[in-house]
Amino acid sequence: MSTLTPDVTVDSRGAGCPGPLMDLIGKVKKADPGTVIELQTSDTGSKDDVPEWLDKAGHELLEIVEHDDYWSIYVRTTG
């Protein structure tokens, strides 16, 4: 369980790759700098794809939390 409280939650559980990443990118582009976004995904590829994209885009990976049947990936947007 995470101690982080997201400003926005994106529920992409059940969506296949690259759906969850595309959903996250859409939210990040509209978010103000410093916004904490939680991406909920059941796609195992997201655990690699999302951090890779965050590195390229310059946003911050805060935490990845594994639940029974999905992951919560916490991201902080930068300016």
Protein backbone atom coordinates (compact mmCIF):
# COMPACT_ATOMS: atom_id res chain seq x y z
CA MET A 1 0.00 0.00 0.00
CA SER A 2 1.33 3.42 -0.91
CA THR A 3 1.54 6.40 1.38
CA LEU A 4 1.17 8.69 -1.64
CA THR A 5 -2.11 10.46 -2.31
CA PRO A 6 -2.54 11.06 -6.04
CA ASP A 7 -4.14 14.21 -7.43
CA VAL A 8 -5.43 12.20 -10.39
CA THR A 9 -6.06 8.46 -10.83
CA VAL A 10 -6.04 6.86 -14.28
CA ASP A 11 -7.72 3.44 -14.26
CA SER A 12 -6.35 1.49 -17.23
CA ARG A 13 -6.84 -1.96 -15.73
CA GLY A 14 -7.80 -4.46 -18.41
CA ALA A 15 -6.26 -2.42 -21.23
CA GLY A 16 -3.42 -3.99 -23.21
CA CYS A 17 -0.17 -2.35 -24.21
CA PRO A 18 0.22 0.48 -25.18
CA GLY A 19 -3.17 1.60 -23.81
CA PRO A 20 -2.14 2.34 -20.21
CA LEU A 21 0.90 4.37 -21.33
CA MET A 22 -1.20 6.32 -23.84
CA ASP A 23 -3.79 7.04 -21.12
CA LEU A 24 -1.02 8.28 -18.82
CA ILE A 25 0.57 10.48 -21.51
CA GLY A 26 -2.82 12.10 -22.18
CA LYS A 27 -3.23 12.99 -18.49
CA VAL A 28 0.38 14.15 -18.05
CA LYS A 29 0.09 16.56 -21.00
CA LYS A 30 -2.94 18.25 -19.40
CA ALA A 31 -1.60 18.27 -15.83
CA ASP A 32 0.08 21.16 -14.06
CA PRO A 33 3.72 20.68 -12.94
CA GLY A 34 3.92 18.87 -9.62
CA THR A 35 0.71 16.89 -10.13
CA VAL A 36 0.86 13.35 -8.74
CA ILE A 37 -0.83 10.85 -11.05
CA GLU A 38 -1.60 7.24 -10.20
CA LEU A 39 -1.80 4.90 -13.18
CA GLN A 40 -3.61 1.66 -12.36
CA THR A 41 -2.64 -1.04 -14.86
CA SER A 42 -2.93 -4.79 -15.16
CA ASP A 43 -0.53 -4.85 -18.15
CA THR A 44 2.87 -6.21 -17.05
CA GLY A 45 4.60 -4.28 -19.85
CA SER A 46 3.63 -1.00 -18.20
CA LYS A 47 6.16 -1.62 -15.42
CA ASP A 48 8.91 -1.21 -18.04
CA ASP A 49 7.23 1.08 -20.57
CA VAL A 50 6.11 3.78 -18.15
CA PRO A 51 9.49 4.34 -16.39
CA GLU A 52 11.21 4.33 -19.80
CA TRP A 53 8.85 7.01 -21.12
CA LEU A 54 9.15 9.05 -17.92
CA ASP A 55 12.94 9.12 -18.32
CA LYS A 56 12.62 10.40 -21.89
CA ALA A 57 9.86 12.89 -21.07
CA GLY A 58 11.57 14.17 -17.92
CA HIS A 59 8.86 13.32 -15.42
CA GLU A 60 9.47 11.65 -12.06
CA LEU A 61 8.65 8.04 -11.15
CA LEU A 62 7.66 8.08 -7.49
CA GLU A 63 6.67 4.50 -6.77
CA ILE A 64 5.33 1.27 -8.25
CA VAL A 65 3.02 -0.65 -5.92
CA GLU A 66 1.99 -4.22 -6.72
CA HIS A 67 -1.56 -5.24 -5.82
CA ASP A 68 -3.14 -8.69 -6.26
CA ASP A 69 -4.11 -8.24 -9.91
CA TYR A 70 -2.71 -4.85 -10.97
CA TRP A 71 -0.02 -2.25 -10.31
CA SER A 72 -0.25 1.37 -9.23
CA ILE A 73 2.43 3.50 -10.86
CA TYR A 74 2.83 6.92 -9.22
CA VAL A 75 4.21 9.76 -11.31
CA ARG A 76 4.96 13.42 -10.58
CA THR A 77 4.79 15.76 -13.55
CA THR A 78 7.50 18.36 -14.10
CA GLY A 79 7.37 21.68 -15.88
